[in-house]
Amino acid sequence: MSPRAAWRLESLGFAEVYDYGPSRADWMAWGLPREGSSANTPTIGEVARRDVATCALTDTVGDARDRARAAGSDVCAVVTCGRVVLGLLRGKQLESDPEAMVEQVMRPGPTTYHLDSRAREAAERMGDRGVSALLVTSPDGVLVGVLHREDAERAADGVAEP
């Protein structure tokens, strides 16, 4: 079971929820130091923006929209008090009834990427799917940042941050 699913079950009142233990793959997924030929390959953990708009399940859509706009973004991550990602608001969800509860309109269980995903591959996937931003999490489902397609493309092309 994924960490995000475990946290969501806990938020729904399930008392005994378990998660898996760490492995070698977790080392890389945490974005920890790499060696060898892949050490110089840009990852999304290196270029993801850490200033992500967030909201809780019990917030209103209007509050979430205000946070996203204040962050200069068109997305708002729905997180627990420990910042585990539960859902996502973007586009039509952020423009829905401002008095509605986030939990009612969010996209539950959004696709997230770990810190070790390669920037070039993420940029290509985002371009193929017409996605402008994606959420980056740690292996335990905690929100780390948001990757914007232009940042991934810039990193993939070897261009420094502006």
Protein backbone atom coordinates (compact mmCIF):
# COMPACT_ATOMS: atom_id res chain seq x y z
CA MET A 1 0.00 0.00 0.00
CA SER A 2 1.29 3.46 -0.81
CA PRO A 3 1.96 5.96 1.97
CA ARG A 4 -0.68 8.28 0.51
CA ALA A 5 -3.30 5.53 0.59
CA ALA A 6 -2.36 4.66 4.17
CA TRP A 7 -2.75 8.29 5.29
CA ARG A 8 -6.06 8.61 3.46
CA LEU A 9 -7.39 5.49 5.20
CA GLU A 10 -6.33 6.97 8.54
CA SER A 11 -8.10 10.24 7.69
CA LEU A 12 -11.26 8.20 7.07
CA GLY A 13 -11.05 6.63 10.54
CA PHE A 14 -9.26 3.32 9.99
CA ALA A 15 -7.10 2.67 13.07
CA GLU A 16 -4.62 -0.01 11.97
CA VAL A 17 -2.93 0.98 8.70
CA TYR A 18 0.57 -0.19 7.76
CA ASP A 19 3.16 0.89 5.24
CA TYR A 20 6.20 -0.81 3.66
CA GLY A 21 9.79 -0.52 4.90
CA PRO A 22 12.69 1.20 3.14
CA SER A 23 14.82 -0.32 0.38
CA ARG A 24 17.61 0.61 -2.04
CA ALA A 25 15.06 2.15 -4.37
CA ASP A 26 13.97 4.42 -1.52
CA TRP A 27 17.49 5.87 -1.29
CA MET A 28 17.18 7.13 -4.84
CA ALA A 29 13.54 8.15 -4.43
CA TRP A 30 14.51 10.34 -1.47
CA GLY A 31 16.89 12.20 -3.77
CA LEU A 32 19.91 11.24 -1.71
CA PRO A 33 23.42 11.55 -3.22
CA ARG A 34 24.12 9.47 -6.30
CA GLU A 35 27.34 8.20 -7.78
CA GLY A 36 28.37 6.96 -11.19
CA SER A 37 27.22 7.99 -14.62
CA SER A 38 23.72 8.99 -13.51
CA ALA A 39 24.99 11.45 -10.88
CA ASN A 40 25.06 14.29 -13.42
CA THR A 41 21.62 13.59 -14.87
CA PRO A 42 19.18 16.30 -13.69
CA THR A 43 16.32 14.99 -11.57
CA ILE A 44 13.01 16.61 -10.75
CA GLY A 45 14.08 16.80 -7.10
CA GLU A 46 16.76 19.25 -8.14
CA VAL A 47 14.40 21.55 -10.05
CA ALA A 48 11.03 21.23 -8.32
CA ARG A 49 9.79 24.42 -6.72
CA ARG A 50 9.26 24.12 -2.99
CA ASP A 51 6.69 26.95 -2.70
CA VAL A 52 3.54 24.92 -3.33
CA ALA A 53 0.05 26.13 -2.48
CA THR A 54 -1.58 23.65 -0.10
CA CYS A 55 -4.96 23.17 1.53
CA ALA A 56 -6.75 20.68 3.77
CA LEU A 57 -9.77 18.50 3.03
CA THR A 58 -11.90 20.79 5.21
CA ASP A 59 -10.88 24.08 3.55
CA THR A 60 -13.15 25.84 1.09
CA VAL A 61 -12.37 25.97 -2.60
CA GLY A 62 -12.27 29.77 -2.34
CA ASP A 63 -9.49 29.58 0.26
CA ALA A 64 -7.56 27.07 -1.86
CA ARG A 65 -7.93 29.26 -4.96
CA ASP A 66 -6.65 32.29 -3.04
CA ARG A 67 -3.58 30.32 -1.87
CA ALA A 68 -2.84 29.08 -5.39
CA ARG A 69 -3.09 32.59 -6.82
CA ALA A 70 -0.91 34.01 -4.04
CA ALA A 71 1.73 31.41 -4.95
CA GLY A 72 1.44 32.35 -8.63
CA SER A 73 0.22 28.86 -9.47
CA ASP A 74 -2.75 27.14 -11.07
CA VAL A 75 -2.58 24.14 -8.70
CA CYS A 76 -3.23 23.54 -5.02
CA ALA A 77 -2.17 20.29 -3.33
CA VAL A 78 -4.58 18.80 -0.80
CA VAL A 79 -2.49 17.55 2.11
CA THR A 80 -2.76 16.21 5.66
CA CYS A 81 -1.35 18.14 8.62
CA GLY A 82 1.86 16.15 7.95
CA ARG A 83 1.85 17.27 4.27
CA VAL A 84 0.98 13.84 2.84
CA VAL A 85 -0.70 14.36 -0.54
CA LEU A 86 -4.35 13.31 -0.65
CA GLY A 87 -5.60 15.17 -3.69
CA LEU A 88 -5.14 17.99 -6.15
CA LEU A 89 -7.10 21.03 -7.27
CA ARG A 90 -6.41 22.57 -10.66
CA GLY A 91 -8.33 24.34 -13.39
CA LYS A 92 -12.04 23.64 -13.12
CA GLN A 93 -11.77 22.44 -9.50
CA LEU A 94 -10.23 25.79 -8.45
CA GLU A 95 -12.93 27.65 -10.39
CA SER A 96 -15.82 25.70 -8.87
CA ASP A 97 -18.11 26.95 -6.08
CA PRO A 98 -15.90 28.91 -3.66
CA GLU A 99 -18.01 27.75 -0.70
CA ALA A 100 -17.65 24.05 -1.56
CA MET A 101 -15.37 21.93 0.58
CA VAL A 102 -12.09 20.90 -1.03
CA GLU A 103 -12.82 17.21 -0.33
CA GLN A 104 -15.96 17.43 -2.50
CA VAL A 105 -14.24 18.69 -5.65
CA MET A 106 -10.60 17.54 -5.44
CA ARG A 107 -9.00 15.02 -7.75
CA PRO A 108 -8.23 12.24 -5.23
CA GLY A 109 -4.95 10.34 -5.38
CA PRO A 110 -3.16 12.41 -8.03
CA THR A 111 -0.15 10.99 -9.79
CA THR A 112 3.00 12.06 -7.98
CA TYR A 113 6.66 11.62 -8.82
CA HIS A 114 9.62 10.95 -6.58
CA LEU A 115 12.70 13.12 -6.39
CA ASP A 116 14.83 10.74 -8.46
CA SER A 117 12.70 10.89 -11.62
CA ARG A 118 14.75 12.27 -14.50
CA ALA A 119 13.88 15.80 -15.56
CA ARG A 120 14.05 14.97 -19.28
CA GLU A 121 11.62 12.04 -18.97
CA ALA A 122 9.25 14.08 -16.80
CA ALA A 123 9.30 16.94 -19.34
CA GLU A 124 8.49 14.51 -22.16
CA ARG A 125 5.63 12.87 -20.24
CA MET A 126 4.22 16.26 -19.30
CA GLY A 127 4.40 17.43 -22.91
CA ASP A 128 2.75 14.24 -24.21
CA ARG A 129 -0.09 14.58 -21.70
CA GLY A 130 -0.51 18.34 -21.92
CA VAL A 131 0.28 18.76 -18.23
CA SER A 132 1.84 22.01 -17.04
CA ALA A 133 2.77 20.90 -13.51
CA LEU A 134 3.07 17.77 -11.39
CA LEU A 135 3.52 17.06 -7.70
CA VAL A 136 6.80 15.77 -6.30
CA THR A 137 6.72 13.70 -3.10
CA SER A 138 9.06 11.79 -0.86
CA PRO A 139 8.66 8.00 -0.74
CA ASP A 140 6.35 8.35 2.26
CA GLY A 141 3.97 10.56 0.27
CA VAL A 142 4.99 13.88 1.81
CA LEU A 143 4.77 16.84 -0.55
CA VAL A 144 8.20 18.15 -1.53
CA GLY A 145 7.32 20.53 -4.32
CA VAL A 146 5.77 21.10 -7.70
CA LEU A 147 7.54 20.61 -11.01
CA HIS A 148 6.56 22.99 -13.78
CA ARG A 149 7.09 21.74 -17.31
CA GLU A 150 9.22 24.72 -18.30
CA ASP A 151 11.58 24.03 -15.36
CA ALA A 152 11.89 20.36 -16.34
CA GLU A 153 12.57 21.29 -19.98
CA ARG A 154 15.18 23.87 -18.95
CA ALA A 155 16.96 21.31 -16.72
CA ALA A 156 16.77 18.64 -19.43
CA ASP A 157 18.38 21.05 -21.90
CA GLY A 158 21.11 21.92 -19.40
CA VAL A 159 20.03 25.52 -19.01
CA ALA A 160 20.60 27.14 -15.62
CA GLU A 161 17.78 28.64 -13.57
CA PRO A 162 16.89 32.24 -14.56
